[in-house]
Amino acid sequence: MALTEYSVWDRSTRIFHWLNLLFVLALISVGTMILFAGDLGVSNDGKIALKTLHVWIGYGFVINLAWRLIWGFIGGPYARWSAVLPLGRGFTAQLRGYLSTLGKREPYAYAGHNPLGRIAVTVLLTALLLQAVSGLVLAGTDVYMPPFGQYFAEWVAAPDMDPAQVRPYAPETVNEASYNEMRAFRAPFIETHEITYYALLILILLHIAGVVSTEVRKGGAIVSAMFSGRKHLAVPDEAVKEKH
């Protein structure tokens, strides 16, 4: 059967995807070094340097993610939330129909995300959003960096100490009682950040497995479509869902 080309992923969506991949890989790499800094024998100065680097990479990650959230309202038809989130009339029926084709080479394909993919992307974006929010809070509690660093520095600063002089791993610059209160406030954010870190590792592997599996079973040049923006489907035109 002849291949039919469908324009699917707009340029902004493609740029977000590959930038997000680079940011996430960099954050996981640096985050893993921070998580096991004690086992690696990293000094306090080294920890500060790693955390500072992690935060700067995180800023790029957050800006990129924020743009994708906005683009979901103003972007191309396949980038819109109506085409991404597992919501809307008929979605349950679509999901049942798609699940019935798993493991089969039926002439049934989606130009955009298939129903199972919409669920997976939503879970992945939710995890990324949790990391972004918790990470911004931790940037303030750990190394007193924006956007909340000034607030936390003022909270924990020792009496007569300029909050701008508060430094991580410098107990002489903080009030011990206030610092302990801040650490208690921080606890659920660090727990969320760590749990989501492990969840993201699993989700990324599942995402890769899902893409490879769909590519093999349904075709469509899924990976290359994230470079070119175009999918090529060897199915009858009437069997392609989400056409615009």
Protein backbone atom coordinates (compact mmCIF):
# COMPACT_ATOMS: atom_id res chain seq x y z
CA MET A 1 0.00 0.00 0.00
CA ALA A 2 1.31 3.44 -0.92
CA LEU A 3 2.47 5.74 1.87
CA THR A 4 0.42 8.85 2.58
CA GLU A 5 2.09 11.87 4.18
CA TYR A 6 0.42 13.78 7.02
CA SER A 7 1.73 17.04 8.50
CA VAL A 8 1.48 16.49 12.24
CA TRP A 9 4.04 18.06 14.59
CA ASP A 10 4.60 21.79 14.18
CA ARG A 11 8.06 23.30 14.62
CA SER A 12 7.46 24.56 18.16
CA THR A 13 6.32 21.12 19.33
CA ARG A 14 9.38 19.48 17.79
CA ILE A 15 11.78 22.00 19.34
CA PHE A 16 10.16 21.52 22.74
CA HIS A 17 10.46 17.75 22.46
CA TRP A 18 14.18 17.65 21.72
CA LEU A 19 15.09 20.47 24.11
CA ASN A 20 13.10 18.70 26.81
CA LEU A 21 15.04 15.50 26.13
CA LEU A 22 18.38 17.31 26.49
CA PHE A 23 17.32 19.18 29.64
CA VAL A 24 15.91 16.05 31.30
CA LEU A 25 19.00 13.97 30.52
CA ALA A 26 21.25 16.73 31.88
CA LEU A 27 19.12 17.15 35.02
CA ILE A 28 19.04 13.40 35.65
CA SER A 29 22.83 13.19 35.25
CA VAL A 30 23.58 16.07 37.61
CA GLY A 31 20.74 15.08 39.96
CA THR A 32 22.13 11.56 40.27
CA MET A 33 25.53 12.98 41.27
CA ILE A 34 23.81 15.17 43.88
CA LEU A 35 21.74 12.25 45.20
CA PHE A 36 24.83 10.10 45.68
CA ALA A 37 27.23 12.93 46.54
CA GLY A 38 28.01 11.39 49.92
CA ASP A 39 28.94 8.03 48.39
CA LEU A 40 31.04 9.80 45.76
CA GLY A 41 32.93 11.78 48.40
CA VAL A 42 31.88 15.16 47.01
CA SER A 43 32.86 18.10 49.25
CA ASN A 44 30.40 20.77 50.40
CA ASP A 45 31.82 23.17 47.81
CA GLY A 46 31.34 20.48 45.20
CA LYS A 47 27.74 19.95 46.30
CA ILE A 48 27.05 23.67 46.02
CA ALA A 49 28.56 23.72 42.52
CA LEU A 50 26.49 20.69 41.45
CA LYS A 51 23.28 22.14 42.90
CA THR A 52 23.92 25.50 41.26
CA LEU A 53 24.50 23.81 37.90
CA HIS A 54 21.35 21.74 38.43
CA VAL A 55 19.33 24.89 39.07
CA TRP A 56 20.64 26.70 35.98
CA ILE A 57 19.77 23.71 33.79
CA GLY A 58 16.43 23.59 35.58
CA TYR A 59 15.65 27.17 34.56
CA GLY A 60 15.98 26.18 30.91
CA PHE A 61 13.83 23.11 31.53
CA VAL A 62 11.10 25.18 33.25
CA ILE A 63 11.03 27.84 30.51
CA ASN A 64 10.79 25.15 27.83
CA LEU A 65 8.01 23.35 29.72
CA ALA A 66 6.11 26.59 30.35
CA TRP A 67 6.19 27.36 26.63
CA ARG A 68 4.76 23.90 25.86
CA LEU A 69 1.92 24.49 28.32
CA ILE A 70 1.12 27.77 26.58
CA TRP A 71 1.50 26.21 23.13
CA GLY A 72 -1.18 23.70 24.06
CA PHE A 73 -3.69 26.55 23.80
CA ILE A 74 -2.39 28.36 20.71
CA GLY A 75 -0.37 25.79 18.74
CA GLY A 76 -1.19 23.56 15.80
CA PRO A 77 -4.12 21.14 15.87
CA TYR A 78 -2.06 18.17 17.04
CA ALA A 79 -0.32 20.24 19.75
CA ARG A 80 -3.57 21.51 21.30
CA TRP A 81 -4.65 20.08 24.64
CA SER A 82 -7.84 18.83 23.01
CA ALA A 83 -5.67 16.49 20.93
CA VAL A 84 -3.25 15.59 23.74
CA LEU A 85 -5.20 15.15 26.98
CA PRO A 86 -7.23 11.93 27.43
CA LEU A 87 -10.50 13.83 27.59
CA GLY A 88 -13.41 14.70 25.36
CA ARG A 89 -16.42 13.00 23.92
CA GLY A 90 -15.72 9.56 22.54
CA PHE A 91 -12.27 9.14 24.08
CA THR A 92 -13.25 6.04 26.07
CA ALA A 93 -14.60 4.39 22.91
CA GLN A 94 -11.42 5.35 21.03
CA LEU A 95 -9.31 3.84 23.78
CA ARG A 96 -11.26 0.58 23.73
CA GLY A 97 -10.98 0.45 19.96
CA TYR A 98 -7.24 1.06 20.04
CA LEU A 99 -6.62 -1.49 22.78
CA SER A 100 -8.44 -4.09 20.70
CA THR A 101 -5.82 -3.63 17.95
CA LEU A 102 -2.77 -4.13 20.18
CA GLY A 103 -0.63 -6.94 18.87
CA LYS A 104 -2.36 -6.83 15.50
CA ARG A 105 -1.20 -5.36 12.21
CA GLU A 106 -4.53 -3.79 11.35
CA PRO A 107 -4.95 -0.82 8.98
CA TYR A 108 -5.78 1.53 11.84
CA ALA A 109 -3.53 4.45 12.77
CA TYR A 110 -3.51 7.87 14.38
CA ALA A 111 -1.85 10.85 12.75
CA GLY A 112 -1.38 12.40 16.22
CA HIS A 113 -1.18 10.61 19.56
CA ASN A 114 -3.13 7.39 19.81
CA PRO A 115 -5.45 7.09 22.86
CA LEU A 116 -2.90 5.13 24.90
CA GLY A 117 -0.23 7.64 23.92
CA ARG A 118 -2.42 10.52 25.11
CA ILE A 119 -2.62 8.93 28.56
CA ALA A 120 1.13 8.33 28.61
CA VAL A 121 1.98 11.88 27.49
CA THR A 122 -0.36 13.32 30.14
CA VAL A 123 1.28 11.28 32.88
CA LEU A 124 4.73 12.28 31.63
CA LEU A 125 3.85 15.99 31.45
CA THR A 126 2.36 15.82 34.95
CA ALA A 127 5.59 14.32 36.28
CA LEU A 128 7.64 17.00 34.52
CA LEU A 129 5.41 19.71 36.00
CA LEU A 130 5.84 18.25 39.50
CA GLN A 131 9.61 18.28 39.02
CA ALA A 132 9.53 21.87 37.80
CA VAL A 133 7.48 23.18 40.75
CA SER A 134 9.29 21.20 43.45
CA GLY A 135 12.64 22.02 41.86
CA LEU A 136 12.01 25.76 41.95
CA VAL A 137 11.17 25.53 45.64
CA LEU A 138 14.29 23.47 46.36
CA ALA A 139 16.44 25.93 44.42
CA GLY A 140 15.46 28.45 47.07
CA THR A 141 15.90 26.19 50.09
CA ASP A 142 19.20 24.59 49.02
CA VAL A 143 21.22 27.35 47.36
CA TYR A 144 18.95 30.38 47.88
CA MET A 145 18.46 30.98 44.17
CA PRO A 146 15.43 32.60 42.47
CA PRO A 147 12.51 32.70 42.39
CA PHE A 148 12.12 31.89 46.11
CA GLY A 149 15.70 32.12 47.37
CA GLN A 150 15.37 35.63 48.80
CA TYR A 151 12.27 34.60 50.75
CA PHE A 152 13.99 31.57 52.30
CA ALA A 153 17.17 33.53 53.04
CA GLU A 154 15.12 36.11 54.95
CA TRP A 155 13.39 33.29 56.82
CA VAL A 156 16.56 31.63 58.08
CA ALA A 157 19.01 34.53 58.35
CA ALA A 158 20.75 34.87 61.71
CA PRO A 159 19.96 38.00 63.77
CA ASP A 160 21.64 41.08 62.31
CA MET A 161 22.68 39.03 59.28
CA ASP A 162 21.96 40.47 55.83
CA PRO A 163 19.86 37.79 54.04
CA ALA A 164 22.04 38.34 50.98
CA GLN A 165 24.96 36.94 53.00
CA VAL A 166 23.21 33.66 53.84
CA ARG A 167 25.06 30.77 52.24
CA PRO A 168 24.41 27.03 51.94
CA TYR A 169 26.44 24.82 54.29
CA ALA A 170 27.30 27.89 56.36
CA PRO A 171 25.55 27.41 59.73
CA GLU A 172 27.05 30.63 61.11
CA THR A 173 24.88 32.64 58.70
CA VAL A 174 21.52 31.16 59.80
CA ASN A 175 19.31 31.05 62.85
CA GLU A 176 19.20 27.38 63.85
CA ALA A 177 15.53 27.34 64.91
CA SER A 178 14.39 29.14 61.77
CA TYR A 179 16.60 26.92 59.61
CA ASN A 180 15.04 23.80 61.11
CA GLU A 181 11.56 25.21 60.46
CA MET A 182 12.50 25.87 56.85
CA ARG A 183 13.87 22.33 56.48
CA ALA A 184 10.60 20.93 57.82
CA PHE A 185 8.70 23.00 55.25
CA ARG A 186 11.09 21.74 52.56
CA ALA A 187 10.67 18.03 53.44
CA PRO A 188 7.59 17.23 51.31
CA PHE A 189 9.09 19.04 48.32
CA ILE A 190 12.33 17.06 48.44
CA GLU A 191 10.35 13.84 48.87
CA THR A 192 8.20 14.71 45.86
CA HIS A 193 11.29 15.61 43.84
CA GLU A 194 13.03 12.34 44.64
CA ILE A 195 9.99 10.13 44.04
CA THR A 196 9.25 11.86 40.74
CA TYR A 197 12.92 11.47 39.75
CA TYR A 198 12.58 7.68 39.97
CA ALA A 199 9.14 7.79 38.34
CA LEU A 200 10.56 9.76 35.41
CA LEU A 201 13.26 7.15 34.86
CA ILE A 202 10.54 4.51 34.53
CA LEU A 203 8.27 6.71 32.41
CA ILE A 204 11.07 7.56 30.00
CA LEU A 205 11.85 3.86 29.47
CA LEU A 206 8.14 3.13 28.96
CA HIS A 207 7.89 6.03 26.51
CA ILE A 208 10.79 4.71 24.45
CA ALA A 209 9.37 1.18 24.54
CA GLY A 210 5.95 2.46 23.45
CA VAL A 211 7.39 4.44 20.54
CA VAL A 212 9.46 1.49 19.32
CA SER A 213 6.54 -0.92 19.71
CA THR A 214 4.13 1.34 17.83
CA GLU A 215 6.72 2.00 15.12
CA VAL A 216 7.18 -1.74 14.57
CA ARG A 217 3.50 -2.65 14.69
CA LYS A 218 1.82 0.34 13.04
CA GLY A 219 4.61 2.10 11.15
CA GLY A 220 4.41 5.79 10.39
CA ALA A 221 8.01 6.87 10.99
CA ILE A 222 7.19 8.13 14.49
CA VAL A 223 10.76 9.04 15.43
CA SER A 224 11.55 10.78 12.14
CA ALA A 225 8.26 12.69 12.42
CA MET A 226 9.67 14.48 15.48
CA PHE A 227 12.40 15.81 13.17
CA SER A 228 10.41 16.48 10.01
CA GLY A 229 6.96 17.08 11.47
CA ARG A 230 5.47 14.61 8.97
CA LYS A 231 4.18 11.07 9.38
CA HIS A 232 3.97 8.55 6.58
CA LEU A 233 1.20 6.01 7.03
CA ALA A 234 0.69 2.92 4.88
CA VAL A 235 -3.02 2.63 5.61
CA PRO A 236 -6.19 3.64 3.79
CA ASP A 237 -6.93 7.33 4.24
CA GLU A 238 -10.26 6.57 5.88
CA ALA A 239 -8.50 4.49 8.56
CA VAL A 240 -6.40 7.39 9.78
CA LYS A 241 -7.80 9.05 12.91
CA GLU A 242 -7.47 12.70 13.95
CA LYS A 243 -7.18 14.10 10.45
CA HIS A 244 -7.32 17.89 10.18
